[in-house]
Amino acid sequence: MLSPVYCSRLAKSPMIKSCCVETILFVCLTLSLAGCTYWAKPGGTSAEFEATRGACETWAYRLFPLMMEQVQLSPGYITPLSSVCEPLGHRVGCYPTGGVYVPPTYGTVDRNARARDYAVAACLHDAGWVPVKSRAEAEAITNSAAQAPPAE
């Protein structure tokens, strides 16, 4: 099990770097296939999970700091030109509408957010936590260590 400190300390080694990349890829694949939001560890507690998650998030922010960038969300355009006609007594009066320029809209995104999320997931996995699909499954795994008979 690679801790964030251990992994970052030896990140220059090609063998360790490969191991970290493989772990991140495994967790990414697991998360994308499962679509899960729950984590479980035999015998784990929520306090232990929160402490581990906090350490993992700190490590991930060091690896992938905020990289805010302004991006264009929609291009500028000109509204279609059309005619509106209204009756004016025995005549019809028409006038054009539209043809107004609407400027592009912009928003800010964090370019490192996805990589940081994957790093947190890999770190949690390295600490023994596994992603699961439901709260019931997480509780079953977490309680499995408490229900195991003592070794003789």
Protein backbone atom coordinates (compact mmCIF):
# COMPACT_ATOMS: atom_id res chain seq x y z
CA MET A 1 0.00 0.00 0.00
CA LEU A 2 1.55 3.31 -1.10
CA SER A 3 0.87 6.32 1.07
CA PRO A 4 0.74 9.76 -0.54
CA VAL A 5 3.97 10.77 1.17
CA TYR A 6 5.74 7.59 0.07
CA CYS A 7 4.45 7.88 -3.46
CA SER A 8 5.34 11.57 -3.82
CA ARG A 9 8.76 11.07 -2.22
CA LEU A 10 9.67 8.35 -4.70
CA ALA A 11 7.77 9.78 -7.66
CA LYS A 12 11.04 10.33 -9.54
CA SER A 13 11.67 6.58 -9.68
CA PRO A 14 10.26 5.12 -12.93
CA MET A 15 9.16 1.94 -11.12
CA ILE A 16 7.22 3.82 -8.42
CA LYS A 17 5.85 6.31 -10.94
CA SER A 18 4.56 3.37 -12.99
CA CYS A 19 2.99 1.83 -9.87
CA CYS A 20 1.21 5.09 -9.00
CA VAL A 21 -0.02 5.46 -12.58
CA GLU A 22 -1.30 1.87 -12.60
CA THR A 23 -3.15 2.45 -9.31
CA ILE A 24 -4.69 5.67 -10.60
CA LEU A 25 -5.77 3.98 -13.83
CA PHE A 26 -7.29 1.06 -11.90
CA VAL A 27 -9.29 3.35 -9.64
CA CYS A 28 -10.40 5.52 -12.59
CA LEU A 29 -11.64 2.46 -14.44
CA THR A 30 -13.40 1.15 -11.33
CA LEU A 31 -15.07 4.50 -10.68
CA SER A 32 -16.17 4.99 -14.28
CA LEU A 33 -17.65 1.50 -14.51
CA ALA A 34 -19.31 1.51 -11.11
CA GLY A 35 -20.52 5.10 -10.97
CA CYS A 36 -20.08 4.89 -7.21
CA THR A 37 -19.89 7.47 -4.48
CA TYR A 38 -19.41 5.27 -1.40
CA TRP A 39 -16.13 3.95 0.04
CA ALA A 40 -15.69 0.96 2.33
CA LYS A 41 -12.88 -0.75 4.22
CA PRO A 42 -13.20 -3.82 6.44
CA GLY A 43 -13.13 -2.52 9.99
CA GLY A 44 -12.92 1.09 8.83
CA THR A 45 -14.65 3.90 10.68
CA SER A 46 -16.04 7.15 9.35
CA ALA A 47 -13.48 9.06 11.42
CA GLU A 48 -10.68 7.02 9.83
CA PHE A 49 -12.16 7.62 6.37
CA GLU A 50 -12.44 11.38 6.93
CA ALA A 51 -8.83 11.55 8.17
CA THR A 52 -7.60 9.49 5.22
CA ARG A 53 -9.65 11.51 2.74
CA GLY A 54 -8.30 14.77 4.20
CA ALA A 55 -4.71 13.56 3.86
CA CYS A 56 -5.40 12.32 0.32
CA GLU A 57 -6.98 15.62 -0.70
CA THR A 58 -4.01 17.56 0.70
CA TRP A 59 -1.63 15.31 -1.25
CA ALA A 60 -3.71 15.64 -4.43
CA TYR A 61 -3.80 19.47 -4.18
CA ARG A 62 -0.01 19.48 -3.90
CA LEU A 63 0.26 17.27 -6.99
CA PHE A 64 -2.47 19.04 -8.96
CA PRO A 65 -2.92 22.62 -7.68
CA LEU A 66 -5.81 24.80 -8.79
CA MET A 67 -5.40 25.76 -12.45
CA MET A 68 -8.27 28.13 -13.13
CA GLU A 69 -8.84 29.11 -16.73
CA GLN A 70 -11.46 31.20 -18.42
CA VAL A 71 -13.18 29.31 -21.25
CA GLN A 72 -15.82 30.24 -23.76
CA LEU A 73 -19.10 28.48 -22.94
CA SER A 74 -21.06 29.64 -25.98
CA PRO A 75 -20.04 31.60 -29.07
CA GLY A 76 -21.36 35.01 -29.96
CA TYR A 77 -24.09 35.11 -32.57
CA ILE A 78 -26.59 37.35 -34.31
CA THR A 79 -30.28 36.61 -33.74
CA PRO A 80 -32.19 35.74 -36.91
CA LEU A 81 -33.75 38.63 -38.76
CA SER A 82 -37.50 38.37 -39.29
CA SER A 83 -40.45 40.57 -40.15
CA VAL A 84 -43.37 41.29 -37.88
CA CYS A 85 -46.53 42.41 -39.60
CA GLU A 86 -49.51 44.08 -37.90
CA PRO A 87 -52.77 45.27 -39.36
CA LEU A 88 -53.09 49.06 -39.52
CA GLY A 89 -56.68 49.72 -40.57
CA HIS A 90 -57.00 48.61 -44.20
CA ARG A 91 -53.24 48.18 -44.58
CA VAL A 92 -50.59 45.96 -43.07
CA GLY A 93 -47.52 47.48 -41.50
CA CYS A 94 -44.38 45.34 -41.35
CA TYR A 95 -41.10 46.00 -39.62
CA PRO A 96 -37.93 43.95 -39.14
CA THR A 97 -36.95 42.43 -35.78
CA GLY A 98 -33.90 40.52 -34.69
CA GLY A 99 -30.44 40.94 -36.08
CA VAL A 100 -29.15 41.70 -32.59
CA TYR A 101 -25.62 40.65 -31.65
CA VAL A 102 -25.45 38.42 -28.57
CA PRO A 103 -21.88 38.31 -27.20
CA PRO A 104 -20.20 35.03 -26.21
CA THR A 105 -20.51 33.78 -22.63
CA TYR A 106 -17.50 32.80 -20.56
CA GLY A 107 -16.95 30.73 -17.44
CA THR A 108 -14.08 29.63 -15.25
CA VAL A 109 -12.98 25.99 -14.96
CA ASP A 110 -10.30 24.22 -12.94
CA ARG A 111 -8.22 22.29 -15.47
CA ASN A 112 -6.74 20.05 -12.72
CA ALA A 113 -10.05 19.08 -11.04
CA ARG A 114 -10.44 15.70 -12.75
CA ALA A 115 -6.81 14.68 -12.23
CA ARG A 116 -7.08 15.74 -8.57
CA ASP A 117 -10.26 13.66 -8.10
CA TYR A 118 -8.55 10.63 -9.63
CA ALA A 119 -5.50 11.14 -7.39
CA VAL A 120 -7.72 11.26 -4.28
CA ALA A 121 -9.46 8.05 -5.39
CA ALA A 122 -6.12 6.32 -5.99
CA CYS A 123 -4.83 7.44 -2.60
CA LEU A 124 -7.96 6.13 -0.85
CA HIS A 125 -7.58 2.85 -2.70
CA ASP A 126 -3.93 2.59 -1.63
CA ALA A 127 -5.05 3.12 1.98
CA GLY A 128 -7.35 0.09 1.73
CA TRP A 129 -10.65 1.80 0.90
CA VAL A 130 -12.63 0.43 -2.05
CA PRO A 131 -15.36 2.14 -4.04
CA VAL A 132 -18.81 0.50 -3.79
CA LYS A 133 -22.20 1.17 -5.37
CA SER A 134 -24.44 1.56 -2.33
CA ARG A 135 -24.46 2.50 1.33
CA ALA A 136 -25.68 -1.01 2.24
CA GLU A 137 -22.73 -2.60 0.44
CA ALA A 138 -20.34 -0.18 2.18
CA GLU A 139 -21.79 -1.04 5.59
CA ALA A 140 -21.58 -4.78 4.85
CA ILE A 141 -17.89 -4.50 3.94
CA THR A 142 -17.09 -2.18 6.86
CA ASN A 143 -18.83 -4.48 9.36
CA SER A 144 -17.28 -7.65 7.90
CA ALA A 145 -14.09 -7.26 9.96
CA ALA A 146 -16.08 -6.86 13.19
CA GLN A 147 -18.09 -10.04 12.51
CA ALA A 148 -15.11 -12.22 11.61
CA PRO A 149 -14.40 -14.94 14.21
CA PRO A 150 -11.18 -14.48 16.20
CA ALA A 151 -8.19 -16.48 14.98
CA GLU A 152 -7.11 -19.29 17.28
